[in-house]
Amino acid sequence: GYGPRQPLLVISPFAKENFVDHSVTDQSS
């Protein structure tokens, strides 16, 4: 691993708005 790329979204009053994170994360993040 890491394996295939997948969607990941954060929905919250504290989420950045209309933001795309390019940093590397995985399921264990």
PDB file of all heavy atoms in Angstrom:
ATOM      1  N   GLY A   1       0.820  -1.214   0.000  1.00  0.00           N
ATOM      2  CA  GLY A   1       0.000   0.000   0.000  1.00  0.00           C
ATOM      3  C   GLY A   1       0.849   1.257   0.000  1.00  0.00           C
ATOM      4  O   GLY A   1       2.045   1.198   0.246  1.00  0.00           O
ATOM      5  N   TYR A   2       0.283   2.357  -0.303  1.00  0.00           N
ATOM      6  CA  TYR A   2      -1.134   2.604  -0.435  1.00  0.00           C
ATOM      7  C   TYR A   2      -1.710   1.988  -1.704  1.00  0.00           C
ATOM      8  O   TYR A   2      -1.026   1.821  -2.713  1.00  0.00           O
ATOM      9  CB  TYR A   2      -1.414   4.096  -0.414  1.00  0.00           C
ATOM     10  CG  TYR A   2      -1.069   4.754   0.921  1.00  0.00           C
ATOM     11  CD1 TYR A   2      -0.529   6.031   0.957  1.00  0.00           C
ATOM     12  CD2 TYR A   2      -1.265   4.093   2.133  1.00  0.00           C
ATOM     13  CE1 TYR A   2      -0.217   6.642   2.171  1.00  0.00           C
ATOM     14  CE2 TYR A   2      -0.957   4.692   3.351  1.00  0.00           C
ATOM     15  CZ  TYR A   2      -0.435   5.977   3.364  1.00  0.00           C
ATOM     16  OH  TYR A   2      -0.113   6.563   4.553  1.00  0.00           O
ATOM     17  N   GLY A   3      -3.021   1.709  -1.639  1.00  0.00           N
ATOM     18  CA  GLY A   3      -3.733   1.133  -2.755  1.00  0.00           C
ATOM     19  C   GLY A   3      -4.419   2.198  -3.594  1.00  0.00           C
ATOM     20  O   GLY A   3      -3.939   3.327  -3.707  1.00  0.00           O
ATOM     21  N   PRO A   4      -5.583   1.887  -4.192  1.00  0.00           N
ATOM     22  CA  PRO A   4      -6.257   2.814  -5.096  1.00  0.00           C
ATOM     23  C   PRO A   4      -6.755   4.091  -4.419  1.00  0.00           C
ATOM     24  O   PRO A   4      -7.025   4.121  -3.222  1.00  0.00           O
ATOM     25  CB  PRO A   4      -7.444   1.992  -5.619  1.00  0.00           C
ATOM     26  CG  PRO A   4      -7.000   0.568  -5.469  1.00  0.00           C
ATOM     27  CD  PRO A   4      -6.190   0.538  -4.217  1.00  0.00           C
ATOM     28  N   ARG A   5      -6.904   5.130  -5.233  1.00  0.00           N
ATOM     29  CA  ARG A   5      -7.394   6.429  -4.756  1.00  0.00           C
ATOM     30  C   ARG A   5      -8.916   6.413  -4.666  1.00  0.00           C
ATOM     31  O   ARG A   5      -9.596   5.864  -5.534  1.00  0.00           O
ATOM     32  CB  ARG A   5      -6.928   7.524  -5.723  1.00  0.00           C
ATOM     33  CG  ARG A   5      -7.188   8.942  -5.240  1.00  0.00           C
ATOM     34  CD  ARG A   5      -6.556   9.970  -6.162  1.00  0.00           C
ATOM     35  NE  ARG A   5      -7.077   9.906  -7.511  1.00  0.00           N
ATOM     36  CZ  ARG A   5      -7.271  10.968  -8.304  1.00  0.00           C
ATOM     37  NH1 ARG A   5      -6.988  12.183  -7.855  1.00  0.00           N
ATOM     38  NH2 ARG A   5      -7.720  10.811  -9.524  1.00  0.00           N
ATOM     39  N   GLN A   6      -9.447   7.054  -3.610  1.00  0.00           N
ATOM     40  CA  GLN A   6     -10.886   7.058  -3.359  1.00  0.00           C
ATOM     41  C   GLN A   6     -11.355   8.444  -2.934  1.00  0.00           C
ATOM     42  O   GLN A   6     -10.553   9.271  -2.472  1.00  0.00           O
ATOM     43  CB  GLN A   6     -11.211   6.066  -2.238  1.00  0.00           C
ATOM     44  CG  GLN A   6     -10.845   4.647  -2.562  1.00  0.00           C
ATOM     45  CD  GLN A   6     -10.824   3.779  -1.324  1.00  0.00           C
ATOM     46  OE1 GLN A   6     -10.567   4.232  -0.219  1.00  0.00           O
ATOM     47  NE2 GLN A   6     -11.094   2.501  -1.506  1.00  0.00           N
ATOM     48  N   PRO A   7     -12.658   8.703  -3.043  1.00  0.00           N
ATOM     49  CA  PRO A   7     -13.189   9.977  -2.526  1.00  0.00           C
ATOM     50  C   PRO A   7     -13.072  10.058  -1.009  1.00  0.00           C
ATOM     51  O   PRO A   7     -13.157   9.046  -0.313  1.00  0.00           O
ATOM     52  CB  PRO A   7     -14.670   9.946  -2.947  1.00  0.00           C
ATOM     53  CG  PRO A   7     -14.745   8.945  -4.048  1.00  0.00           C
ATOM     54  CD  PRO A   7     -13.701   7.915  -3.727  1.00  0.00           C
ATOM     55  N   LEU A   8     -12.891  11.263  -0.509  1.00  0.00           N
ATOM     56  CA  LEU A   8     -12.907  11.544   0.922  1.00  0.00           C
ATOM     57  C   LEU A   8     -13.446  12.953   1.098  1.00  0.00           C
ATOM     58  O   LEU A   8     -12.902  13.896   0.511  1.00  0.00           O
ATOM     59  CB  LEU A   8     -11.499  11.438   1.523  1.00  0.00           C
ATOM     60  CG  LEU A   8     -11.386  11.783   3.014  1.00  0.00           C
ATOM     61  CD1 LEU A   8     -11.978  10.658   3.866  1.00  0.00           C
ATOM     62  CD2 LEU A   8      -9.934  12.028   3.411  1.00  0.00           C
ATOM     63  N   LEU A   9     -14.523  13.114   1.860  1.00  0.00           N
ATOM     64  CA  LEU A   9     -15.128  14.415   2.093  1.00  0.00           C
ATOM     65  C   LEU A   9     -15.314  14.650   3.576  1.00  0.00           C
ATOM     66  O   LEU A   9     -15.571  13.701   4.331  1.00  0.00           O
ATOM     67  CB  LEU A   9     -16.493  14.533   1.396  1.00  0.00           C
ATOM     68  CG  LEU A   9     -16.496  14.525  -0.133  1.00  0.00           C
ATOM     69  CD1 LEU A   9     -16.658  13.098  -0.657  1.00  0.00           C
ATOM     70  CD2 LEU A   9     -17.613  15.408  -0.688  1.00  0.00           C
ATOM     71  N   VAL A  10     -15.183  15.899   3.997  1.00  0.00           N
ATOM     72  CA  VAL A  10     -15.464  16.321   5.363  1.00  0.00           C
ATOM     73  C   VAL A  10     -16.570  17.362   5.326  1.00  0.00           C
ATOM     74  O   VAL A  10     -16.448  18.378   4.623  1.00  0.00           O
ATOM     75  CB  VAL A  10     -14.220  16.893   6.060  1.00  0.00           C
ATOM     76  CG1 VAL A  10     -14.600  17.539   7.386  1.00  0.00           C
ATOM     77  CG2 VAL A  10     -13.184  15.801   6.280  1.00  0.00           C
ATOM     78  N   ILE A  11     -17.651  17.113   6.050  1.00  0.00           N
ATOM     79  CA  ILE A  11     -18.820  17.990   6.079  1.00  0.00           C
ATOM     80  C   ILE A  11     -19.034  18.403   7.527  1.00  0.00           C
ATOM     81  O   ILE A  11     -19.275  17.561   8.392  1.00  0.00           O
ATOM     82  CB  ILE A  11     -20.052  17.257   5.515  1.00  0.00           C
ATOM     83  CG1 ILE A  11     -19.784  16.839   4.062  1.00  0.00           C
ATOM     84  CG2 ILE A  11     -21.305  18.119   5.607  1.00  0.00           C
ATOM     85  CD1 ILE A  11     -20.738  15.814   3.532  1.00  0.00           C
ATOM     86  N   SER A  12     -18.922  19.689   7.790  1.00  0.00           N
ATOM     87  CA  SER A  12     -18.935  20.155   9.178  1.00  0.00           C
ATOM     88  C   SER A  12     -19.015  21.673   9.198  1.00  0.00           C
ATOM     89  O   SER A  12     -18.604  22.340   8.237  1.00  0.00           O
ATOM     90  CB  SER A  12     -17.640  19.714   9.879  1.00  0.00           C
ATOM     91  OG  SER A  12     -17.506  20.299  11.158  1.00  0.00           O
ATOM     92  N   PRO A  13     -19.535  22.264  10.281  1.00  0.00           N
ATOM     93  CA  PRO A  13     -19.415  23.715  10.431  1.00  0.00           C
ATOM     94  C   PRO A  13     -17.963  24.174  10.417  1.00  0.00           C
ATOM     95  O   PRO A  13     -17.690  25.349  10.159  1.00  0.00           O
ATOM     96  CB  PRO A  13     -20.055  23.983  11.803  1.00  0.00           C
ATOM     97  CG  PRO A  13     -20.964  22.833  12.037  1.00  0.00           C
ATOM     98  CD  PRO A  13     -20.285  21.658  11.395  1.00  0.00           C
ATOM     99  N   PHE A  14     -17.038  23.252  10.678  1.00  0.00           N
ATOM    100  CA  PHE A  14     -15.613  23.593  10.721  1.00  0.00           C
ATOM    101  C   PHE A  14     -14.858  23.177   9.466  1.00  0.00           C
ATOM    102  O   PHE A  14     -13.644  23.348   9.392  1.00  0.00           O
ATOM    103  CB  PHE A  14     -14.962  22.958  11.951  1.00  0.00           C
ATOM    104  CG  PHE A  14     -15.530  23.448  13.248  1.00  0.00           C
ATOM    105  CD1 PHE A  14     -16.453  22.677  13.945  1.00  0.00           C
ATOM    106  CD2 PHE A  14     -15.183  24.681  13.777  1.00  0.00           C
ATOM    107  CE1 PHE A  14     -16.998  23.117  15.147  1.00  0.00           C
ATOM    108  CE2 PHE A  14     -15.721  25.131  14.971  1.00  0.00           C
ATOM    109  CZ  PHE A  14     -16.625  24.352  15.659  1.00  0.00           C
ATOM    110  N   ALA A  15     -15.546  22.612   8.471  1.00  0.00           N
ATOM    111  CA  ALA A  15     -14.877  22.236   7.226  1.00  0.00           C
ATOM    112  C   ALA A  15     -14.580  23.481   6.399  1.00  0.00           C
ATOM    113  O   ALA A  15     -15.375  24.421   6.344  1.00  0.00           O
ATOM    114  CB  ALA A  15     -15.754  21.277   6.430  1.00  0.00           C
ATOM    115  N   LYS A  16     -13.428  23.492   5.745  1.00  0.00           N
ATOM    116  CA  LYS A  16     -13.144  24.571   4.811  1.00  0.00           C
ATOM    117  C   LYS A  16     -14.152  24.519   3.675  1.00  0.00           C
ATOM    118  O   LYS A  16     -14.594  23.448   3.268  1.00  0.00           O
ATOM    119  CB  LYS A  16     -11.717  24.445   4.278  1.00  0.00           C
ATOM    120  CG  LYS A  16     -10.642  24.685   5.330  1.00  0.00           C
ATOM    121  CD  LYS A  16      -9.243  24.521   4.753  1.00  0.00           C
ATOM    122  CE  LYS A  16      -8.178  24.761   5.813  1.00  0.00           C
ATOM    123  NZ  LYS A  16      -6.803  24.537   5.296  1.00  0.00           N
ATOM    124  N   GLU A  17     -14.513  25.674   3.166  1.00  0.00           N
ATOM    125  CA  GLU A  17     -15.576  25.757   2.160  1.00  0.00           C
ATOM    126  C   GLU A  17     -14.999  25.728   0.748  1.00  0.00           C
ATOM    127  O   GLU A  17     -14.042  26.442   0.440  1.00  0.00           O
ATOM    128  CB  GLU A  17     -16.392  27.038   2.356  1.00  0.00           C
ATOM    129  CG  GLU A  17     -17.621  27.097   1.471  1.00  0.00           C
ATOM    130  CD  GLU A  17     -18.541  28.261   1.830  1.00  0.00           C
ATOM    131  OE1 GLU A  17     -18.176  29.041   2.733  1.00  0.00           O
ATOM    132  OE2 GLU A  17     -19.620  28.373   1.213  1.00  0.00           O
ATOM    133  N   ASN A  18     -15.596  24.845  -0.092  1.00  0.00           N
ATOM    134  CA  ASN A  18     -15.167  24.722  -1.492  1.00  0.00           C
ATOM    135  C   ASN A  18     -13.655  24.524  -1.563  1.00  0.00           C
ATOM    136  O   ASN A  18     -12.941  25.201  -2.300  1.00  0.00           O
ATOM    137  CB  ASN A  18     -15.586  25.939  -2.303  1.00  0.00           C
ATOM    138  CG  ASN A  18     -15.539  25.683  -3.803  1.00  0.00           C
ATOM    139  OD1 ASN A  18     -15.399  24.539  -4.245  1.00  0.00           O
ATOM    140  ND2 ASN A  18     -15.647  26.745  -4.590  1.00  0.00           N
ATOM    141  N   PHE A  19     -13.180  23.550  -0.789  1.00  0.00           N
ATOM    142  CA  PHE A  19     -11.741  23.340  -0.624  1.00  0.00           C
ATOM    143  C   PHE A  19     -11.366  21.942  -1.082  1.00  0.00           C
ATOM    144  O   PHE A  19     -12.073  20.970  -0.819  1.00  0.00           O
ATOM    145  CB  PHE A  19     -11.354  23.514   0.852  1.00  0.00           C
ATOM    146  CG  PHE A  19      -9.908  23.234   1.150  1.00  0.00           C
ATOM    147  CD1 PHE A  19      -8.926  24.156   0.829  1.00  0.00           C
ATOM    148  CD2 PHE A  19      -9.531  22.036   1.742  1.00  0.00           C
ATOM    149  CE1 PHE A  19      -7.588  23.894   1.100  1.00  0.00           C
ATOM    150  CE2 PHE A  19      -8.196  21.763   2.020  1.00  0.00           C
ATOM    151  CZ  PHE A  19      -7.222  22.704   1.689  1.00  0.00           C
ATOM    152  N   VAL A  20     -10.253  21.839  -1.798  1.00  0.00           N
ATOM    153  CA  VAL A  20      -9.709  20.551  -2.213  1.00  0.00           C
ATOM    154  C   VAL A  20      -8.349  20.361  -1.558  1.00  0.00           C
ATOM    155  O   VAL A  20      -7.434  21.172  -1.751  1.00  0.00           O
ATOM    156  CB  VAL A  20      -9.576  20.455  -3.747  1.00  0.00           C
ATOM    157  CG1 VAL A  20      -8.929  19.121  -4.138  1.00  0.00           C
ATOM    158  CG2 VAL A  20     -10.934  20.588  -4.417  1.00  0.00           C
ATOM    159  N   ASP A  21      -8.256  19.309  -0.776  1.00  0.00           N
ATOM    160  CA  ASP A  21      -7.008  18.994  -0.087  1.00  0.00           C
ATOM    161  C   ASP A  21      -6.168  18.076  -0.974  1.00  0.00           C
ATOM    162  O   ASP A  21      -6.633  17.038  -1.417  1.00  0.00           O
ATOM    163  CB  ASP A  21      -7.323  18.299   1.241  1.00  0.00           C
ATOM    164  CG  ASP A  21      -6.075  17.971   2.042  1.00  0.00           C
ATOM    165  OD1 ASP A  21      -5.057  18.671   1.853  1.00  0.00           O
ATOM    166  OD2 ASP A  21      -6.116  17.028   2.855  1.00  0.00           O
ATOM    167  N   HIS A  22      -4.923  18.487  -1.227  1.00  0.00           N
ATOM    168  CA  HIS A  22      -4.024  17.691  -2.056  1.00  0.00           C
ATOM    169  C   HIS A  22      -3.003  16.907  -1.234  1.00  0.00           C
ATOM    170  O   HIS A  22      -2.177  16.195  -1.810  1.00  0.00           O
ATOM    171  CB  HIS A  22      -3.275  18.591  -3.045  1.00  0.00           C
ATOM    172  CG  HIS A  22      -4.170  19.435  -3.905  1.00  0.00           C
ATOM    173  ND1 HIS A  22      -5.134  18.903  -4.733  1.00  0.00           N
ATOM    174  CD2 HIS A  22      -4.240  20.775  -4.054  1.00  0.00           C
ATOM    175  CE1 HIS A  22      -5.764  19.888  -5.366  1.00  0.00           C
ATOM    176  NE2 HIS A  22      -5.248  21.034  -4.963  1.00  0.00           N
ATOM    177  N   SER A  23      -3.036  17.042   0.092  1.00  0.00           N
ATOM    178  CA  SER A  23      -2.083  16.304   0.913  1.00  0.00           C
ATOM    179  C   SER A  23      -2.446  14.822   0.936  1.00  0.00           C
ATOM    180  O   SER A  23      -3.602  14.446   0.766  1.00  0.00           O
ATOM    181  CB  SER A  23      -2.040  16.872   2.330  1.00  0.00           C
ATOM    182  OG  SER A  23      -3.292  16.744   2.972  1.00  0.00           O
ATOM    183  N   VAL A  24      -1.449  13.971   1.137  1.00  0.00           N
ATOM    184  CA  VAL A  24      -1.651  12.518   1.077  1.00  0.00           C
ATOM    185  C   VAL A  24      -2.299  12.019   2.368  1.00  0.00           C
ATOM    186  O   VAL A  24      -1.795  12.272   3.467  1.00  0.00           O
ATOM    187  CB  VAL A  24      -0.318  11.787   0.849  1.00  0.00           C
ATOM    188  CG1 VAL A  24      -0.529  10.271   0.880  1.00  0.00           C
ATOM    189  CG2 VAL A  24       0.299  12.200  -0.479  1.00  0.00           C
ATOM    190  N   THR A  25      -3.428  11.335   2.214  1.00  0.00           N
ATOM    191  CA  THR A  25      -4.085  10.672   3.339  1.00  0.00           C
ATOM    192  C   THR A  25      -4.499   9.259   2.921  1.00  0.00           C
ATOM    193  O   THR A  25      -4.436   8.909   1.733  1.00  0.00           O
ATOM    194  CB  THR A  25      -5.318  11.452   3.831  1.00  0.00           C
ATOM    195  OG1 THR A  25      -6.215  11.646   2.725  1.00  0.00           O
ATOM    196  CG2 THR A  25      -4.920  12.809   4.405  1.00  0.00           C
ATOM    197  N   ASP A  26      -4.919   8.468   3.886  1.00  0.00           N
ATOM    198  CA  ASP A  26      -5.403   7.125   3.593  1.00  0.00           C
ATOM    199  C   ASP A  26      -6.501   6.791   4.592  1.00  0.00           C
ATOM    200  O   ASP A  26      -6.870   7.628   5.426  1.00  0.00           O
ATOM    201  CB  ASP A  26      -4.263   6.107   3.646  1.00  0.00           C
ATOM    202  CG  ASP A  26      -3.821   5.794   5.063  1.00  0.00           C
ATOM    203  OD1 ASP A  26      -3.314   6.699   5.750  1.00  0.00           O
ATOM    204  OD2 ASP A  26      -3.984   4.644   5.500  1.00  0.00           O
ATOM    205  N   GLN A  27      -7.031   5.577   4.507  1.00  0.00           N
ATOM    206  CA  GLN A  27      -8.131   5.196   5.397  1.00  0.00           C
ATOM    207  C   GLN A  27      -7.751   5.342   6.866  1.00  0.00           C
ATOM    208  O   GLN A  27      -8.567   5.754   7.695  1.00  0.00           O
ATOM    209  CB  GLN A  27      -8.551   3.756   5.093  1.00  0.00           C
ATOM    210  CG  GLN A  27      -9.274   3.609   3.765  1.00  0.00           C
ATOM    211  CD  GLN A  27      -9.266   2.192   3.231  1.00  0.00           C
ATOM    212  OE1 GLN A  27      -8.334   1.432   3.472  1.00  0.00           O
ATOM    213  NE2 GLN A  27     -10.306   1.832   2.492  1.00  0.00           N
ATOM    214  N   SER A  28      -6.501   5.049   7.201  1.00  0.00           N
ATOM    215  CA  SER A  28      -6.090   5.150   8.596  1.00  0.00           C
ATOM    216  C   SER A  28      -5.892   6.589   9.048  1.00  0.00           C
ATOM    217  O   SER A  28      -5.673   6.829  10.245  1.00  0.00           O
ATOM    218  CB  SER A  28      -4.820   4.327   8.848  1.00  0.00           C
ATOM    219  OG  SER A  28      -3.692   4.906   8.235  1.00  0.00           O
ATOM    220  N   SER A  29      -5.999   7.559   8.137  1.00  0.00           N
ATOM    221  CA  SER A  29      -5.983   8.964   8.558  1.00  0.00           C
ATOM    222  C   SER A  29      -7.218   9.291   9.400  1.00  0.00           C
ATOM    223  O   SER A  29      -7.163  10.146  10.287  1.00  0.00           O
ATOM    224  CB  SER A  29      -5.928   9.885   7.337  1.00  0.00           C
ATOM    225  OG  SER A  29      -4.705   9.741   6.644  1.00  0.00           O
TER     226      SER A  29
END
